[in-house]
Amino acid sequence: MLGMLFNNKEVKEMEYLLKRELEELLHDFEDNRIDRVVKHAMEERYQILYKMFARVAPPTECMKYMRSKAVFRERESL
């Protein structure tokens, strides 16, 4: 485990960077040309980034980047 202290400006920057990465991943999940193996790796990355985002963002912002339950059922069938 690694602990870090951030000031408010750094937290906002972290939030911004994580939002951009999450948006890109969510967009790429919709791309049918991407292989299942790659999407699985993307899913793992998404989970890590979302957990980080949830630590710095308010709950209302987190809801915007939460994936639907249908996606999780699809993932379990892979």
Protein backbone atom coordinates (compact mmCIF):
# COMPACT_ATOMS: atom_id res chain seq x y z
CA MET A 1 0.00 0.00 0.00
CA LEU A 2 1.18 3.47 -0.83
CA GLY A 3 -0.05 6.63 0.83
CA MET A 4 0.08 10.04 -0.79
CA LEU A 5 -1.01 13.51 0.21
CA PHE A 6 -2.53 15.79 -2.41
CA ASN A 7 -3.62 19.40 -2.21
CA ASN A 8 -7.01 20.42 -3.66
CA LYS A 9 -5.56 21.42 -7.02
CA GLU A 10 -3.81 18.06 -7.38
CA VAL A 11 -7.01 16.20 -6.46
CA LYS A 12 -8.92 18.08 -9.16
CA GLU A 13 -6.19 17.23 -11.68
CA MET A 14 -6.30 13.55 -10.66
CA GLU A 15 -10.08 13.59 -11.00
CA TYR A 16 -9.81 15.14 -14.47
CA LEU A 17 -7.25 12.57 -15.66
CA LEU A 18 -9.26 9.65 -14.32
CA LYS A 19 -12.44 10.97 -15.96
CA ARG A 20 -10.72 11.13 -19.34
CA GLU A 21 -9.36 7.59 -19.00
CA LEU A 22 -12.73 6.22 -17.88
CA GLU A 23 -14.51 7.96 -20.76
CA GLU A 24 -12.04 6.50 -23.23
CA LEU A 25 -12.47 3.00 -21.81
CA LEU A 26 -16.26 3.25 -21.82
CA HIS A 27 -16.15 4.38 -25.43
CA ASP A 28 -13.80 1.54 -26.40
CA PHE A 29 -16.03 -1.06 -24.73
CA GLU A 30 -18.64 -0.26 -27.39
CA ASP A 31 -16.20 -0.99 -30.23
CA ASN A 32 -16.99 -4.43 -31.66
CA ARG A 33 -13.66 -4.61 -33.49
CA ILE A 34 -11.76 -5.02 -30.21
CA ASP A 35 -10.98 -8.63 -29.30
CA ARG A 36 -12.44 -10.25 -26.15
CA VAL A 37 -8.99 -10.77 -24.63
CA VAL A 38 -8.21 -7.09 -25.03
CA LYS A 39 -11.60 -6.12 -23.60
CA HIS A 40 -10.90 -8.32 -20.59
CA ALA A 41 -7.66 -6.42 -19.96
CA MET A 42 -9.55 -3.16 -20.45
CA GLU A 43 -12.12 -4.31 -17.88
CA GLU A 44 -9.40 -4.93 -15.31
CA ARG A 45 -7.95 -1.48 -15.98
CA TYR A 46 -11.43 0.07 -15.77
CA GLN A 47 -12.02 -1.48 -12.34
CA ILE A 48 -8.72 -0.11 -10.99
CA LEU A 49 -9.30 3.38 -12.39
CA TYR A 50 -12.91 3.48 -11.22
CA LYS A 51 -11.90 2.59 -7.67
CA MET A 52 -9.29 5.35 -7.72
CA PHE A 53 -11.85 7.79 -9.13
CA ALA A 54 -14.37 6.87 -6.44
CA ARG A 55 -11.85 7.96 -3.79
CA VAL A 56 -11.51 11.50 -5.11
CA ALA A 57 -14.85 12.24 -6.79
CA PRO A 58 -18.27 12.91 -5.28
CA PRO A 59 -20.83 10.08 -5.57
CA THR A 60 -22.87 11.96 -8.18
CA GLU A 61 -19.83 12.07 -10.48
CA CYS A 62 -19.09 8.38 -9.88
CA MET A 63 -22.57 7.44 -11.09
CA LYS A 64 -21.77 8.87 -14.53
CA TYR A 65 -18.94 6.37 -15.01
CA MET A 66 -20.59 3.32 -13.45
CA ARG A 67 -21.27 0.48 -15.85
CA SER A 68 -24.69 -1.16 -16.07
CA LYS A 69 -25.49 -4.57 -14.58
CA ALA A 70 -26.13 -5.95 -18.07
CA VAL A 71 -22.46 -5.39 -18.87
CA PHE A 72 -21.41 -7.38 -15.82
CA ARG A 73 -23.68 -10.29 -16.78
CA GLU A 74 -22.15 -10.25 -20.27
CA ARG A 75 -18.64 -10.23 -18.79
CA GLU A 76 -19.38 -13.25 -16.59
CA SER A 77 -20.47 -15.25 -19.65
CA LEU A 78 -17.07 -14.78 -21.35
